[in-house]
Amino acid sequence: MIHLPEAAGRALRLAPVALWWVLVVLVLAIGSIGWQQELWPYTPAALPLSRFVVQLCLLLLPLLGFWWLWRLAASISHRGWRWLGYAVVLAFSGLAVLLVVLGCAVWVWWG
């Protein structure tokens, strides 16, 4: 039987490095938006650039998350549970694609 700290450690080791980079860039971009007047008082292009970086990170985050979940599912030793993990990842992928398409439609519609 696997204990929770061991399972969490294994899950974090399977996370792709790109996921961590995107999370760090996302936090820094949100901080740049929040403290725009203190950090960039004489740079008017900083705010639109930070917003673009946040949107790009939010677009990449689900893709990297699904890659991570696929790797987690692949690491399961029992065949039945592994296939269930694959099915869950595929279901969440379809849902995320639907949400991204709807989000893009709303963004285009309300501009």
N, C-alpha and C. Protein backbone atom coordinates (compact mmCIF):
# COMPACT_ATOMS: atom_id res chain seq x y z
N MET A 1 0.84 -1.18 0.00
CA MET A 1 0.00 0.00 0.00
C MET A 1 0.88 1.24 0.00
N ILE A 2 0.51 2.19 -0.81
CA ILE A 2 1.30 3.42 -0.93
C ILE A 2 0.72 4.48 0.00
N HIS A 3 1.59 5.12 0.75
CA HIS A 3 1.15 6.18 1.65
C HIS A 3 1.03 7.48 0.86
N LEU A 4 0.24 8.39 1.38
CA LEU A 4 -0.06 9.64 0.69
C LEU A 4 1.20 10.47 0.40
N PRO A 5 2.14 10.65 1.34
CA PRO A 5 3.33 11.44 0.99
C PRO A 5 4.16 10.80 -0.14
N GLU A 6 4.22 9.47 -0.16
CA GLU A 6 4.95 8.80 -1.24
C GLU A 6 4.26 9.01 -2.58
N ALA A 7 2.93 8.91 -2.59
CA ALA A 7 2.18 9.11 -3.83
C ALA A 7 2.30 10.56 -4.31
N ALA A 8 2.24 11.50 -3.38
CA ALA A 8 2.37 12.91 -3.76
C ALA A 8 3.77 13.19 -4.29
N GLY A 9 4.78 12.62 -3.67
CA GLY A 9 6.15 12.81 -4.17
C GLY A 9 6.33 12.23 -5.55
N ARG A 10 5.76 11.06 -5.80
CA ARG A 10 5.85 10.45 -7.11
C ARG A 10 5.13 11.29 -8.16
N ALA A 11 3.96 11.82 -7.78
CA ALA A 11 3.19 12.66 -8.71
C ALA A 11 3.94 13.94 -9.05
N LEU A 12 4.57 14.55 -8.06
CA LEU A 12 5.32 15.79 -8.32
C LEU A 12 6.56 15.53 -9.15
N ARG A 13 7.18 14.36 -8.98
CA ARG A 13 8.35 14.03 -9.80
C ARG A 13 7.96 13.78 -11.25
N LEU A 14 6.72 13.37 -11.50
CA LEU A 14 6.28 13.11 -12.86
C LEU A 14 5.82 14.38 -13.59
N ALA A 15 5.70 15.48 -12.87
CA ALA A 15 5.26 16.73 -13.50
C ALA A 15 6.33 17.21 -14.47
N PRO A 16 5.94 17.59 -15.69
CA PRO A 16 6.93 18.08 -16.65
C PRO A 16 7.53 19.41 -16.20
N VAL A 17 8.78 19.61 -16.56
CA VAL A 17 9.48 20.84 -16.18
C VAL A 17 8.80 22.06 -16.79
N ALA A 18 8.27 21.91 -18.01
CA ALA A 18 7.60 23.03 -18.66
C ALA A 18 6.39 23.50 -17.86
N LEU A 19 5.73 22.60 -17.16
CA LEU A 19 4.59 22.98 -16.32
C LEU A 19 5.03 23.92 -15.22
N TRP A 20 6.14 23.61 -14.59
CA TRP A 20 6.64 24.49 -13.53
C TRP A 20 7.03 25.86 -14.09
N TRP A 21 7.67 25.89 -15.27
CA TRP A 21 8.05 27.16 -15.88
C TRP A 21 6.82 28.01 -16.20
N VAL A 22 5.79 27.38 -16.74
CA VAL A 22 4.57 28.12 -17.07
C VAL A 22 3.91 28.66 -15.80
N LEU A 23 3.90 27.88 -14.73
CA LEU A 23 3.33 28.35 -13.48
C LEU A 23 4.11 29.54 -12.92
N VAL A 24 5.43 29.50 -12.99
CA VAL A 24 6.25 30.61 -12.49
C VAL A 24 6.03 31.86 -13.33
N VAL A 25 6.01 31.71 -14.66
CA VAL A 25 5.79 32.87 -15.54
C VAL A 25 4.39 33.44 -15.31
N LEU A 26 3.40 32.58 -15.08
CA LEU A 26 2.04 33.04 -14.81
C LEU A 26 1.98 33.87 -13.53
N VAL A 27 2.61 33.39 -12.48
CA VAL A 27 2.63 34.14 -11.22
C VAL A 27 3.34 35.47 -11.38
N LEU A 28 4.46 35.49 -12.10
CA LEU A 28 5.19 36.74 -12.32
C LEU A 28 4.38 37.72 -13.17
N ALA A 29 3.68 37.22 -14.18
CA ALA A 29 2.87 38.10 -15.03
C ALA A 29 1.69 38.68 -14.26
N ILE A 30 1.06 37.86 -13.42
CA ILE A 30 -0.04 38.37 -12.60
C ILE A 30 0.48 39.41 -11.61
N GLY A 31 1.64 39.15 -11.04
CA GLY A 31 2.26 40.14 -10.16
C GLY A 31 2.61 41.42 -10.89
N SER A 32 3.04 41.30 -12.13
CA SER A 32 3.36 42.48 -12.93
C SER A 32 2.11 43.30 -13.23
N ILE A 33 0.98 42.62 -13.43
CA ILE A 33 -0.28 43.34 -13.65
C ILE A 33 -0.72 44.02 -12.35
N GLY A 34 -0.60 43.30 -11.25
CA GLY A 34 -1.04 43.84 -9.97
C GLY A 34 -0.23 45.04 -9.52
N TRP A 35 1.05 45.01 -9.75
CA TRP A 35 1.94 46.09 -9.31
C TRP A 35 2.48 46.87 -10.50
N GLN A 36 1.63 47.12 -11.48
CA GLN A 36 2.05 47.78 -12.72
C GLN A 36 2.56 49.19 -12.44
N GLN A 37 1.90 49.95 -11.58
CA GLN A 37 2.32 51.33 -11.32
C GLN A 37 3.64 51.39 -10.56
N GLU A 38 3.89 50.39 -9.71
CA GLU A 38 5.14 50.40 -8.95
C GLU A 38 6.32 49.87 -9.76
N LEU A 39 6.04 48.87 -10.61
CA LEU A 39 7.13 48.25 -11.37
C LEU A 39 7.43 48.96 -12.69
N TRP A 40 6.39 49.34 -13.41
CA TRP A 40 6.55 49.89 -14.75
C TRP A 40 5.82 51.24 -14.90
N PRO A 41 6.17 52.26 -14.13
CA PRO A 41 5.41 53.51 -14.22
C PRO A 41 5.59 54.25 -15.55
N TYR A 42 6.72 54.08 -16.21
CA TYR A 42 6.99 54.82 -17.45
C TYR A 42 7.00 53.91 -18.67
N THR A 43 6.43 52.73 -18.54
CA THR A 43 6.39 51.78 -19.65
C THR A 43 4.93 51.43 -19.94
N PRO A 44 4.29 52.13 -20.88
CA PRO A 44 2.87 51.87 -21.12
C PRO A 44 2.59 50.52 -21.77
N ALA A 45 3.56 49.92 -22.42
CA ALA A 45 3.34 48.64 -23.10
C ALA A 45 3.46 47.44 -22.15
N ALA A 46 3.83 47.68 -20.91
CA ALA A 46 4.02 46.56 -19.97
C ALA A 46 2.70 45.88 -19.63
N LEU A 47 1.64 46.66 -19.44
CA LEU A 47 0.36 46.07 -19.06
C LEU A 47 -0.23 45.19 -20.17
N PRO A 48 -0.30 45.64 -21.42
CA PRO A 48 -0.81 44.74 -22.47
C PRO A 48 0.07 43.50 -22.66
N LEU A 49 1.37 43.65 -22.53
CA LEU A 49 2.26 42.50 -22.66
C LEU A 49 2.03 41.50 -21.53
N SER A 50 1.87 42.00 -20.32
CA SER A 50 1.61 41.11 -19.19
C SER A 50 0.29 40.38 -19.35
N ARG A 51 -0.71 41.08 -19.85
CA ARG A 51 -2.01 40.42 -20.09
C ARG A 51 -1.89 39.34 -21.16
N PHE A 52 -1.11 39.62 -22.20
CA PHE A 52 -0.90 38.62 -23.24
C PHE A 52 -0.17 37.40 -22.68
N VAL A 53 0.82 37.62 -21.83
CA VAL A 53 1.56 36.51 -21.23
C VAL A 53 0.65 35.68 -20.34
N VAL A 54 -0.24 36.33 -19.59
CA VAL A 54 -1.19 35.60 -18.75
C VAL A 54 -2.11 34.75 -19.63
N GLN A 55 -2.62 35.31 -20.72
CA GLN A 55 -3.49 34.55 -21.61
C GLN A 55 -2.76 33.36 -22.23
N LEU A 56 -1.52 33.57 -22.61
CA LEU A 56 -0.72 32.49 -23.19
C LEU A 56 -0.48 31.38 -22.17
N CYS A 57 -0.16 31.76 -20.94
CA CYS A 57 0.05 30.76 -19.89
C CYS A 57 -1.23 30.00 -19.59
N LEU A 58 -2.36 30.71 -19.58
CA LEU A 58 -3.63 30.04 -19.32
C LEU A 58 -4.02 29.10 -20.46
N LEU A 59 -3.53 29.38 -21.65
CA LEU A 59 -3.77 28.47 -22.77
C LEU A 59 -2.86 27.24 -22.69
N LEU A 60 -1.63 27.43 -22.23
CA LEU A 60 -0.68 26.31 -22.14
C LEU A 60 -0.91 25.43 -20.91
N LEU A 61 -1.46 25.99 -19.86
CA LEU A 61 -1.61 25.26 -18.61
C LEU A 61 -2.44 23.99 -18.74
N PRO A 62 -3.59 24.01 -19.40
CA PRO A 62 -4.34 22.75 -19.53
C PRO A 62 -3.60 21.69 -20.34
N LEU A 63 -2.89 22.11 -21.39
CA LEU A 63 -2.15 21.14 -22.19
C LEU A 63 -1.07 20.45 -21.38
N LEU A 64 -0.32 21.23 -20.62
CA LEU A 64 0.72 20.65 -19.79
C LEU A 64 0.13 19.84 -18.64
N GLY A 65 -1.02 20.27 -18.14
CA GLY A 65 -1.69 19.51 -17.09
C GLY A 65 -2.13 18.14 -17.59
N PHE A 66 -2.63 18.10 -18.82
CA PHE A 66 -3.04 16.81 -19.36
C PHE A 66 -1.84 15.92 -19.64
N TRP A 67 -0.75 16.50 -20.06
CA TRP A 67 0.47 15.72 -20.26
C TRP A 67 0.89 15.09 -18.92
N TRP A 68 0.80 15.88 -17.86
CA TRP A 68 1.16 15.40 -16.53
C TRP A 68 0.22 14.28 -16.09
N LEU A 69 -1.09 14.47 -16.29
CA LEU A 69 -2.04 13.43 -15.90
C LEU A 69 -1.85 12.16 -16.71
N TRP A 70 -1.49 12.31 -18.00
CA TRP A 70 -1.23 11.13 -18.83
C TRP A 70 -0.03 10.36 -18.30
N ARG A 71 1.01 11.09 -17.88
CA ARG A 71 2.18 10.44 -17.30
C ARG A 71 1.85 9.76 -15.98
N LEU A 72 0.98 10.39 -15.18
CA LEU A 72 0.53 9.76 -13.94
C LEU A 72 -0.24 8.47 -14.23
N ALA A 73 -1.13 8.53 -15.21
CA ALA A 73 -1.90 7.33 -15.55
C ALA A 73 -0.98 6.23 -16.07
N ALA A 74 0.04 6.60 -16.83
CA ALA A 74 0.97 5.61 -17.37
C ALA A 74 1.80 4.95 -16.27
N SER A 75 1.95 5.63 -15.14
CA SER A 75 2.78 5.08 -14.07
C SER A 75 2.02 4.10 -13.17
N ILE A 76 0.73 3.95 -13.36
CA ILE A 76 -0.06 3.03 -12.54
C ILE A 76 0.24 1.59 -12.99
N SER A 77 0.51 0.73 -12.05
CA SER A 77 0.96 -0.61 -12.41
C SER A 77 -0.18 -1.54 -12.80
N HIS A 78 -1.34 -1.41 -12.20
CA HIS A 78 -2.46 -2.30 -12.51
C HIS A 78 -3.11 -1.86 -13.82
N ARG A 79 -3.31 -2.81 -14.73
CA ARG A 79 -3.79 -2.49 -16.07
C ARG A 79 -5.19 -1.87 -16.07
N GLY A 80 -6.08 -2.38 -15.26
CA GLY A 80 -7.44 -1.84 -15.21
C GLY A 80 -7.49 -0.39 -14.72
N TRP A 81 -6.74 -0.12 -13.65
CA TRP A 81 -6.70 1.25 -13.13
C TRP A 81 -6.00 2.19 -14.09
N ARG A 82 -4.99 1.66 -14.78
CA ARG A 82 -4.27 2.49 -15.76
C ARG A 82 -5.22 2.91 -16.89
N TRP A 83 -6.03 1.96 -17.40
CA TRP A 83 -6.97 2.29 -18.47
C TRP A 83 -8.05 3.24 -17.96
N LEU A 84 -8.47 3.10 -16.71
CA LEU A 84 -9.41 4.05 -16.14
C LEU A 84 -8.79 5.44 -16.05
N GLY A 85 -7.51 5.50 -15.69
CA GLY A 85 -6.80 6.78 -15.66
C GLY A 85 -6.73 7.42 -17.04
N TYR A 86 -6.44 6.60 -18.05
CA TYR A 86 -6.43 7.13 -19.42
C TYR A 86 -7.80 7.67 -19.82
N ALA A 87 -8.86 6.94 -19.46
CA ALA A 87 -10.21 7.39 -19.81
C ALA A 87 -10.56 8.71 -19.13
N VAL A 88 -10.15 8.85 -17.86
CA VAL A 88 -10.41 10.10 -17.14
C VAL A 88 -9.66 11.25 -17.79
N VAL A 89 -8.40 11.03 -18.16
CA VAL A 89 -7.61 12.08 -18.81
C VAL A 89 -8.23 12.47 -20.13
N LEU A 90 -8.68 11.50 -20.92
CA LEU A 90 -9.31 11.82 -22.19
C LEU A 90 -10.62 12.57 -22.00
N ALA A 91 -11.39 12.20 -20.99
CA ALA A 91 -12.65 12.91 -20.73
C ALA A 91 -12.39 14.36 -20.32
N PHE A 92 -11.42 14.56 -19.45
CA PHE A 92 -11.09 15.92 -19.05
C PHE A 92 -10.49 16.72 -20.21
N SER A 93 -9.77 16.06 -21.10
CA SER A 93 -9.22 16.74 -22.28
C SER A 93 -10.35 17.25 -23.17
N GLY A 94 -11.34 16.40 -23.40
CA GLY A 94 -12.48 16.83 -24.21
C GLY A 94 -13.22 17.98 -23.58
N LEU A 95 -13.40 17.93 -22.27
CA LEU A 95 -14.06 19.02 -21.57
C LEU A 95 -13.25 20.31 -21.66
N ALA A 96 -11.95 20.21 -21.52
CA ALA A 96 -11.09 21.40 -21.60
C ALA A 96 -11.11 22.00 -22.99
N VAL A 97 -11.08 21.15 -24.02
CA VAL A 97 -11.15 21.66 -25.39
C VAL A 97 -12.47 22.39 -25.60
N LEU A 98 -13.55 21.83 -25.09
CA LEU A 98 -14.85 22.48 -25.21
C LEU A 98 -14.85 23.83 -24.49
N LEU A 99 -14.27 23.89 -23.30
CA LEU A 99 -14.21 25.16 -22.56
C LEU A 99 -13.32 26.18 -23.25
N VAL A 100 -12.22 25.76 -23.84
CA VAL A 100 -11.36 26.69 -24.56
C VAL A 100 -12.08 27.24 -25.79
N VAL A 101 -12.78 26.39 -26.52
CA VAL A 101 -13.53 26.84 -27.69
C VAL A 101 -14.62 27.82 -27.27
N LEU A 102 -15.36 27.49 -26.21
CA LEU A 102 -16.40 28.41 -25.73
C LEU A 102 -15.79 29.72 -25.21
N GLY A 103 -14.66 29.63 -24.53
CA GLY A 103 -14.00 30.83 -24.05
C GLY A 103 -13.53 31.72 -25.18
N CYS A 104 -12.99 31.12 -26.24
CA CYS A 104 -12.57 31.90 -27.40
C CYS A 104 -13.77 32.54 -28.09
N ALA A 105 -14.87 31.80 -28.17
CA ALA A 105 -16.08 32.35 -28.79
C ALA A 105 -16.61 33.54 -27.99
N VAL A 106 -16.61 33.42 -26.67
CA VAL A 106 -17.06 34.53 -25.82
C VAL A 106 -16.11 35.71 -25.96
N TRP A 107 -14.82 35.43 -26.00
CA TRP A 107 -13.82 36.49 -26.12
C TRP A 107 -13.98 37.24 -27.44
N VAL A 108 -14.23 36.51 -28.52
CA VAL A 108 -14.43 37.14 -29.82
C VAL A 108 -15.76 37.90 -29.83
N TRP A 109 -16.80 37.31 -29.24
CA TRP A 109 -18.12 37.91 -29.28
C TRP A 109 -18.15 39.22 -28.48
N TRP A 110 -17.60 39.20 -27.26
CA TRP A 110 -17.66 40.39 -26.41
C TRP A 110 -16.41 41.25 -26.50
N GLY A 111 -15.41 40.78 -27.25
CA GLY A 111 -14.20 41.51 -27.56
C GLY A 111 -13.59 42.22 -26.44
